Amino acid sequence: MTQNDIRQLRLYRLVPLAEPGDPGWSNAPSQGEIVVRAESPADARIVAAEAELDFTEIDAKPAEGTDTRMASVFRNEKLYTVIEEPVSPAFGHEGERGVVQGTVSVGTIRPTQV
């Protein structure tokens, strides 16, 4: 592997943008602020969404092959904004792609019936 083959990852902070009473939060709760290491702002949204529980990871699948990651609140630009973070002593650019600060709840899938 050459130096050009190494991906340059950056730090991104995902911050809730919508007010707590916004109807956009009706499908899933706000996860609060998290920091991820990713390739780009768009990739930061994907990294955050991948940290959430997905229907394909539990026994209650809505249908075979159905993935709920596209519905993640992190991918909604009206609910979350993405801010590039400067390198800090706590978190550098070096490391694996993923969540580096904050907790992404696995309780994001809400039942449609109570």
C-alpha atoms as a PDB file:
ATOM      1  CA  MET A   1       0.000   0.000   0.000  1.00  0.00           C
ATOM      2  CA  THR A   2       1.371   3.404  -0.932  1.00  0.00           C
ATOM      3  CA  GLN A   3       0.824   6.733   0.795  1.00  0.00           C
ATOM      4  CA  ASN A   4      -1.703   7.638  -1.935  1.00  0.00           C
ATOM      5  CA  ASP A   5      -3.790   4.553  -1.091  1.00  0.00           C
ATOM      6  CA  ILE A   6      -4.406   5.677   2.502  1.00  0.00           C
ATOM      7  CA  ARG A   7      -7.746   7.413   2.962  1.00  0.00           C
ATOM      8  CA  GLN A   8      -7.603  10.778   4.685  1.00  0.00           C
ATOM      9  CA  LEU A   9     -10.308  10.780   7.326  1.00  0.00           C
ATOM     10  CA  ARG A  10     -11.556  13.911   9.028  1.00  0.00           C
ATOM     11  CA  LEU A  11     -13.562  14.580  12.167  1.00  0.00           C
ATOM     12  CA  TYR A  12     -17.170  15.725  11.878  1.00  0.00           C
ATOM     13  CA  ARG A  13     -19.637  16.756  14.555  1.00  0.00           C
ATOM     14  CA  LEU A  14     -23.289  15.976  13.875  1.00  0.00           C
ATOM     15  CA  VAL A  15     -25.479  18.457  15.724  1.00  0.00           C
ATOM     16  CA  PRO A  16     -29.278  18.426  16.035  1.00  0.00           C
ATOM     17  CA  LEU A  17     -30.644  21.353  14.027  1.00  0.00           C
ATOM     18  CA  ALA A  18     -34.409  21.081  14.526  1.00  0.00           C
ATOM     19  CA  GLU A  19     -36.186  22.139  17.696  1.00  0.00           C
ATOM     20  CA  PRO A  20     -37.220  19.323  20.081  1.00  0.00           C
ATOM     21  CA  GLY A  21     -40.906  19.695  19.130  1.00  0.00           C
ATOM     22  CA  ASP A  22     -40.254  19.480  15.394  1.00  0.00           C
ATOM     23  CA  PRO A  23     -42.452  16.824  13.727  1.00  0.00           C
ATOM     24  CA  GLY A  24     -39.333  15.447  12.009  1.00  0.00           C
ATOM     25  CA  TRP A  25     -38.415  13.779  15.296  1.00  0.00           C
ATOM     26  CA  SER A  26     -41.642  11.718  15.252  1.00  0.00           C
ATOM     27  CA  ASN A  27     -40.008   8.762  13.463  1.00  0.00           C
ATOM     28  CA  ALA A  28     -36.928   8.575  15.696  1.00  0.00           C
ATOM     29  CA  PRO A  29     -35.574  10.519  18.673  1.00  0.00           C
ATOM     30  CA  SER A  30     -32.673  12.943  18.548  1.00  0.00           C
ATOM     31  CA  GLN A  31     -29.385  11.238  19.346  1.00  0.00           C
ATOM     32  CA  GLY A  32     -27.770  14.440  20.585  1.00  0.00           C
ATOM     33  CA  GLU A  33     -24.347  15.498  19.325  1.00  0.00           C
ATOM     34  CA  ILE A  34     -21.870  12.918  18.135  1.00  0.00           C
ATOM     35  CA  VAL A  35     -18.417  13.104  16.559  1.00  0.00           C
ATOM     36  CA  VAL A  36     -17.434  10.714  13.797  1.00  0.00           C
ATOM     37  CA  ARG A  37     -14.308  10.045  11.765  1.00  0.00           C
ATOM     38  CA  ALA A  38     -15.273   9.946   8.081  1.00  0.00           C
ATOM     39  CA  GLU A  39     -14.158  10.811   4.562  1.00  0.00           C
ATOM     40  CA  SER A  40     -16.585  13.692   3.965  1.00  0.00           C
ATOM     41  CA  PRO A  41     -19.668  15.404   5.440  1.00  0.00           C
ATOM     42  CA  ALA A  42     -21.891  13.021   3.450  1.00  0.00           C
ATOM     43  CA  ASP A  43     -19.887  10.043   4.677  1.00  0.00           C
ATOM     44  CA  ALA A  44     -20.215  11.368   8.255  1.00  0.00           C
ATOM     45  CA  ARG A  45     -23.997  11.016   7.938  1.00  0.00           C
ATOM     46  CA  ILE A  46     -23.566   7.459   6.682  1.00  0.00           C
ATOM     47  CA  VAL A  47     -21.163   6.566   9.515  1.00  0.00           C
ATOM     48  CA  ALA A  48     -23.673   7.855  12.084  1.00  0.00           C
ATOM     49  CA  ALA A  49     -26.569   6.014  10.430  1.00  0.00           C
ATOM     50  CA  GLU A  50     -24.548   2.789  10.391  1.00  0.00           C
ATOM     51  CA  ALA A  51     -24.154   3.049  14.175  1.00  0.00           C
ATOM     52  CA  GLU A  52     -27.929   2.884  14.651  1.00  0.00           C
ATOM     53  CA  LEU A  53     -29.847  -0.354  15.008  1.00  0.00           C
ATOM     54  CA  ASP A  54     -31.277  -1.568  11.710  1.00  0.00           C
ATOM     55  CA  PHE A  55     -34.227  -3.867  11.099  1.00  0.00           C
ATOM     56  CA  THR A  56     -31.907  -6.313   9.356  1.00  0.00           C
ATOM     57  CA  GLU A  57     -29.982  -6.756  12.626  1.00  0.00           C
ATOM     58  CA  ILE A  58     -32.978  -7.919  14.665  1.00  0.00           C
ATOM     59  CA  ASP A  59     -35.611 -10.623  14.239  1.00  0.00           C
ATOM     60  CA  ALA A  60     -38.418  -8.156  13.447  1.00  0.00           C
ATOM     61  CA  LYS A  61     -37.745  -7.469   9.790  1.00  0.00           C
ATOM     62  CA  PRO A  62     -40.313  -5.440   7.852  1.00  0.00           C
ATOM     63  CA  ALA A  63     -39.452  -7.539   4.768  1.00  0.00           C
ATOM     64  CA  GLU A  64     -36.509  -9.533   3.492  1.00  0.00           C
ATOM     65  CA  GLY A  65     -33.653  -7.316   2.426  1.00  0.00           C
ATOM     66  CA  THR A  66     -35.234  -4.116   3.727  1.00  0.00           C
ATOM     67  CA  ASP A  67     -32.752  -1.664   5.181  1.00  0.00           C
ATOM     68  CA  THR A  68     -33.822   1.245   7.377  1.00  0.00           C
ATOM     69  CA  ARG A  69     -30.520   3.158   7.280  1.00  0.00           C
ATOM     70  CA  MET A  70     -31.836   5.546   4.610  1.00  0.00           C
ATOM     71  CA  ALA A  71     -34.472   6.713   7.114  1.00  0.00           C
ATOM     72  CA  SER A  72     -31.941   7.643   9.799  1.00  0.00           C
ATOM     73  CA  VAL A  73     -32.343  11.065  11.421  1.00  0.00           C
ATOM     74  CA  PHE A  74     -28.622  11.623  10.799  1.00  0.00           C
ATOM     75  CA  ARG A  75     -29.255  11.617   7.044  1.00  0.00           C
ATOM     76  CA  ASN A  76     -31.964  14.296   7.301  1.00  0.00           C
ATOM     77  CA  GLU A  77     -30.469  17.754   6.631  1.00  0.00           C
ATOM     78  CA  LYS A  78     -33.459  19.409   8.334  1.00  0.00           C
ATOM     79  CA  LEU A  79     -32.796  17.514  11.576  1.00  0.00           C
ATOM     80  CA  TYR A  80     -28.989  17.361  11.719  1.00  0.00           C
ATOM     81  CA  THR A  81     -26.172  19.550  10.485  1.00  0.00           C
ATOM     82  CA  VAL A  82     -22.595  18.377   9.946  1.00  0.00           C
ATOM     83  CA  ILE A  83     -19.661  20.526  11.072  1.00  0.00           C
ATOM     84  CA  GLU A  84     -16.030  19.685  10.338  1.00  0.00           C
ATOM     85  CA  GLU A  85     -14.008  19.593  13.545  1.00  0.00           C
ATOM     86  CA  PRO A  86     -10.375  20.655  13.869  1.00  0.00           C
ATOM     87  CA  VAL A  87      -7.852  18.037  14.895  1.00  0.00           C
ATOM     88  CA  SER A  88      -7.610  17.856  18.672  1.00  0.00           C
ATOM     89  CA  PRO A  89      -5.281  16.024  21.043  1.00  0.00           C
ATOM     90  CA  ALA A  90      -8.190  13.756  21.975  1.00  0.00           C
ATOM     91  CA  PHE A  91      -9.128  12.804  18.410  1.00  0.00           C
ATOM     92  CA  GLY A  92      -6.827  12.877  15.419  1.00  0.00           C
ATOM     93  CA  HIS A  93      -7.518  12.094  11.804  1.00  0.00           C
ATOM     94  CA  GLU A  94      -5.717   8.793  12.194  1.00  0.00           C
ATOM     95  CA  GLY A  95      -7.877   5.900  13.189  1.00  0.00           C
ATOM     96  CA  GLU A  96     -10.760   3.899  11.887  1.00  0.00           C
ATOM     97  CA  ARG A  97     -13.880   5.288  10.280  1.00  0.00           C
ATOM     98  CA  GLY A  98     -16.634   5.388  12.915  1.00  0.00           C
ATOM     99  CA  VAL A  99     -18.155   7.134  15.920  1.00  0.00           C
ATOM    100  CA  VAL A 100     -15.433   8.567  18.182  1.00  0.00           C
ATOM    101  CA  GLN A 101     -17.521  10.542  20.693  1.00  0.00           C
ATOM    102  CA  GLY A 102     -21.123  10.351  21.816  1.00  0.00           C
ATOM    103  CA  THR A 103     -23.523   7.479  22.058  1.00  0.00           C
ATOM    104  CA  VAL A 104     -25.867   6.344  19.332  1.00  0.00           C
ATOM    105  CA  SER A 105     -28.824   4.601  20.929  1.00  0.00           C
ATOM    106  CA  VAL A 106     -29.953   1.264  19.588  1.00  0.00           C
ATOM    107  CA  GLY A 107     -33.523   2.194  20.603  1.00  0.00           C
ATOM    108  CA  THR A 108     -34.173   4.188  17.458  1.00  0.00           C
ATOM    109  CA  ILE A 109     -36.745   1.871  15.916  1.00  0.00           C
ATOM    110  CA  ARG A 110     -40.146   2.879  17.231  1.00  0.00           C
ATOM    111  CA  PRO A 111     -43.114   0.512  17.046  1.00  0.00           C
ATOM    112  CA  THR A 112     -45.984   1.614  14.834  1.00  0.00           C
ATOM    113  CA  GLN A 113     -48.508   0.093  17.263  1.00  0.00           C
ATOM    114  CA  VAL A 114     -48.609   0.560  20.985  1.00  0.00           C
END
